[in-house]
Amino acid sequence: MAEASITINDVVFVVDCGKAKETTYDALNNTPCLLPSWISQASARQVKKGRAGRVQPGVCYHLYPSCVYESFSEYQLPELLRTPLNSLCLQIKSLQVESIGEFLSAALQAPEPLAVQNAIEFLKMVGALDEKENLTNLASPLLFHSGDVKAQKEAVALLHFYCAVFILGTKEAIFTDPSVSLFS
């Protein structure tokens, strides 16, 4: 519960195991993974202060020794460095930025150039960007929703497919069944 960002006012005892599932991204293999990892020292302090004892005094039990706590990183790695950049690159391009790579390189902690290049190549592969890294017509429906660009493209393709099937089915019914009329 401590790492689930759920706060229940009457909770006065919290057990902290020191682990949380985080999305990580391997730019070399171009794969996102949801893996359990040690929390940061900042997260451990937040668990102690923020989850136990909101309304009344509380206690937080940490299931790791202080030497393990000392080995935690001070802060969690920024999400920009540990998640796929496909959706973010699409959003950046919608701001009419000339170069996605240059824009992201100006971040306080810039992502690896390989991760940015992988995202751009992926967006080209699914048809959201053309060869000059400009937005295509397919990018417009993809920009309305955040999340997995590949799943969004599949949803758009399915929508087009079902519309085509509906239109073809209606056309076939009109021309083959004399009882079907558009004007009745």
Protein backbone atom coordinates (compact mmCIF):
# COMPACT_ATOMS: atom_id res chain seq x y z
CA MET A 1 0.00 0.00 0.00
CA ALA A 2 2.87 2.35 0.76
CA GLU A 3 4.04 2.49 -2.88
CA ALA A 4 0.54 2.34 -4.37
CA SER A 5 -0.12 6.06 -3.69
CA ILE A 6 -3.27 5.19 -1.77
CA THR A 7 -3.94 7.17 1.36
CA ILE A 8 -6.54 5.93 3.83
CA ASN A 9 -7.08 8.39 6.66
CA ASP A 10 -7.44 5.81 9.44
CA VAL A 11 -4.23 3.91 8.59
CA VAL A 12 -1.73 4.31 11.42
CA PHE A 13 0.56 1.34 10.68
CA VAL A 14 2.38 0.93 7.37
CA VAL A 15 4.71 -1.90 6.38
CA ASP A 16 7.31 -0.86 3.81
CA CYS A 17 9.13 -3.68 2.00
CA GLY A 18 11.36 -1.22 0.14
CA LYS A 19 10.41 -2.46 -3.32
CA ALA A 20 8.12 -1.08 -6.02
CA LYS A 21 7.36 -2.06 -9.60
CA GLU A 22 8.77 0.49 -12.04
CA THR A 23 8.59 0.79 -15.78
CA THR A 24 12.08 0.65 -17.20
CA TYR A 25 13.18 0.93 -20.81
CA ASP A 26 16.11 -0.82 -22.40
CA ALA A 27 17.11 1.33 -25.39
CA LEU A 28 19.56 -1.27 -26.68
CA ASN A 29 16.87 -3.96 -26.98
CA ASN A 30 14.05 -1.43 -27.51
CA THR A 31 11.88 -3.04 -24.83
CA PRO A 32 9.91 -1.64 -21.88
CA CYS A 33 9.69 -3.79 -18.75
CA LEU A 34 7.77 -3.59 -15.49
CA LEU A 35 10.28 -4.79 -12.90
CA PRO A 36 10.43 -4.74 -9.11
CA SER A 37 13.22 -2.47 -7.90
CA TRP A 38 14.40 -0.84 -4.71
CA ILE A 39 12.72 2.45 -3.88
CA SER A 40 14.71 5.65 -3.37
CA GLN A 41 15.52 7.26 -0.04
CA ALA A 42 13.08 10.05 -0.90
CA SER A 43 10.30 7.46 -1.42
CA ALA A 44 11.13 5.79 1.89
CA ARG A 45 10.87 9.15 3.68
CA GLN A 46 7.57 9.86 1.89
CA VAL A 47 6.19 6.49 2.99
CA LYS A 48 7.13 7.24 6.57
CA LYS A 49 5.74 10.79 6.58
CA GLY A 50 2.93 10.56 4.07
CA ARG A 51 1.17 7.22 4.49
CA ALA A 52 1.21 6.45 8.21
CA GLY A 53 -0.51 8.88 10.51
CA ARG A 54 -2.33 11.36 8.30
CA VAL A 55 -5.01 11.99 10.90
CA GLN A 56 -3.36 10.64 14.04
CA PRO A 57 0.17 9.58 15.01
CA GLY A 58 1.35 6.58 13.00
CA VAL A 59 4.16 4.06 12.72
CA CYS A 60 6.00 2.83 9.64
CA TYR A 61 7.81 -0.52 9.76
CA HIS A 62 10.60 -0.80 7.19
CA LEU A 63 11.44 -4.41 6.30
CA TYR A 64 15.05 -3.62 5.42
CA PRO A 65 18.05 -2.70 7.54
CA SER A 66 19.56 0.78 7.60
CA CYS A 67 22.56 -0.41 5.56
CA VAL A 68 20.16 -1.29 2.71
CA TYR A 69 18.47 2.10 3.09
CA GLU A 70 21.88 3.77 2.78
CA SER A 71 22.46 1.90 -0.50
CA PHE A 72 19.23 3.31 -2.03
CA SER A 73 19.67 6.10 -4.54
CA GLU A 74 18.74 9.47 -3.13
CA TYR A 75 15.99 10.05 -5.71
CA GLN A 76 14.17 7.91 -8.26
CA LEU A 77 15.42 8.04 -11.85
CA PRO A 78 13.23 10.49 -13.83
CA GLU A 79 10.48 8.87 -15.89
CA LEU A 80 11.94 10.47 -19.02
CA LEU A 81 14.99 8.21 -18.61
CA ARG A 82 13.19 4.97 -17.82
CA THR A 83 10.17 4.78 -20.12
CA PRO A 84 9.65 4.49 -23.89
CA LEU A 85 9.56 7.87 -25.60
CA ASN A 86 7.16 7.08 -28.47
CA SER A 87 4.14 9.00 -27.16
CA LEU A 88 6.28 11.87 -25.83
CA CYS A 89 8.04 12.30 -29.19
CA LEU A 90 4.66 12.42 -30.93
CA GLN A 91 3.46 15.11 -28.50
CA ILE A 92 6.69 17.10 -28.97
CA LYS A 93 6.31 16.99 -32.74
CA SER A 94 2.73 18.27 -32.42
CA LEU A 95 4.20 21.45 -30.88
CA GLN A 96 5.81 22.07 -34.29
CA VAL A 97 9.32 21.63 -32.94
CA GLU A 98 11.87 21.24 -35.73
CA SER A 99 13.96 18.46 -34.20
CA ILE A 100 12.74 16.07 -31.49
CA GLY A 101 16.31 15.05 -30.63
CA GLU A 102 17.50 18.63 -30.11
CA PHE A 103 14.42 19.44 -28.02
CA LEU A 104 14.93 16.46 -25.70
CA SER A 105 18.68 17.05 -25.45
CA ALA A 106 17.88 20.36 -23.73
CA ALA A 107 16.17 18.55 -20.81
CA LEU A 108 17.83 18.70 -17.38
CA GLN A 109 18.51 14.97 -17.61
CA ALA A 110 18.30 14.18 -21.30
CA PRO A 111 17.41 10.66 -22.46
CA GLU A 112 19.92 8.57 -24.37
CA PRO A 113 20.14 9.55 -28.06
CA LEU A 114 19.55 5.87 -28.94
CA ALA A 115 16.22 5.91 -27.04
CA VAL A 116 15.13 9.05 -28.91
CA GLN A 117 16.20 7.58 -32.25
CA ASN A 118 14.34 4.33 -31.49
CA ALA A 119 11.16 6.32 -30.76
CA ILE A 120 11.47 8.34 -33.97
CA GLU A 121 12.09 5.21 -36.05
CA PHE A 122 9.11 3.50 -34.42
CA LEU A 123 6.85 6.47 -35.20
CA LYS A 124 8.04 6.36 -38.81
CA MET A 125 7.40 2.61 -38.95
CA VAL A 126 3.78 2.93 -37.72
CA GLY A 127 3.20 5.85 -40.10
CA ALA A 128 2.82 8.69 -37.58
CA LEU A 129 5.91 10.48 -38.95
CA ASP A 130 7.11 10.70 -42.53
CA GLU A 131 10.75 10.40 -43.60
CA LYS A 132 11.38 14.09 -42.84
CA GLU A 133 9.96 13.61 -39.32
CA ASN A 134 6.78 15.57 -40.07
CA LEU A 135 3.42 14.47 -38.67
CA THR A 136 1.23 12.43 -41.02
CA ASN A 137 -2.56 12.22 -41.16
CA LEU A 138 -2.41 9.14 -38.93
CA ALA A 139 -0.75 11.17 -36.16
CA SER A 140 -3.85 13.33 -35.56
CA PRO A 141 -6.01 10.60 -33.94
CA LEU A 142 -2.97 9.29 -32.06
CA LEU A 143 -2.38 12.67 -30.41
CA PHE A 144 -5.75 12.67 -28.64
CA HIS A 145 -4.79 9.84 -26.28
CA SER A 146 -1.63 9.31 -24.31
CA GLY A 147 -0.22 5.83 -23.94
CA ASP A 148 1.02 3.12 -26.22
CA VAL A 149 1.22 4.45 -29.78
CA LYS A 150 1.16 0.96 -31.31
CA ALA A 151 -2.09 0.06 -29.52
CA GLN A 152 -3.62 3.38 -30.58
CA LYS A 153 -2.68 2.78 -34.22
CA GLU A 154 -4.25 -0.67 -34.05
CA ALA A 155 -7.45 0.87 -32.64
CA VAL A 156 -7.56 3.44 -35.45
CA ALA A 157 -6.97 0.72 -38.05
CA LEU A 158 -9.74 -1.40 -36.51
CA LEU A 159 -12.11 1.56 -36.59
CA HIS A 160 -11.39 2.11 -40.29
CA PHE A 161 -11.77 -1.62 -40.97
CA TYR A 162 -15.14 -1.84 -39.20
CA CYS A 163 -16.40 1.28 -40.99
CA ALA A 164 -15.37 -0.25 -44.30
CA VAL A 165 -17.05 -3.56 -43.43
CA PHE A 166 -20.22 -1.71 -42.40
CA ILE A 167 -20.28 0.34 -45.62
CA LEU A 168 -19.58 -2.70 -47.81
CA GLY A 169 -22.18 -4.74 -45.93
CA THR A 170 -24.80 -1.98 -46.36
CA LYS A 171 -23.95 -1.62 -50.04
CA GLU A 172 -24.24 -5.37 -50.55
CA ALA A 173 -27.59 -5.46 -48.72
CA ILE A 174 -28.96 -2.60 -50.82
CA PHE A 175 -28.02 -4.18 -54.14
CA THR A 176 -28.86 -7.79 -53.34
CA ASP A 177 -31.97 -7.57 -51.14
CA PRO A 178 -34.92 -5.79 -52.73
CA SER A 179 -36.63 -5.37 -49.34
CA VAL A 180 -33.81 -3.04 -48.14
CA SER A 181 -34.44 0.58 -49.05
CA LEU A 182 -32.60 3.69 -48.00
CA PHE A 183 -35.62 5.92 -48.63
CA SER A 184 -38.33 4.19 -46.60
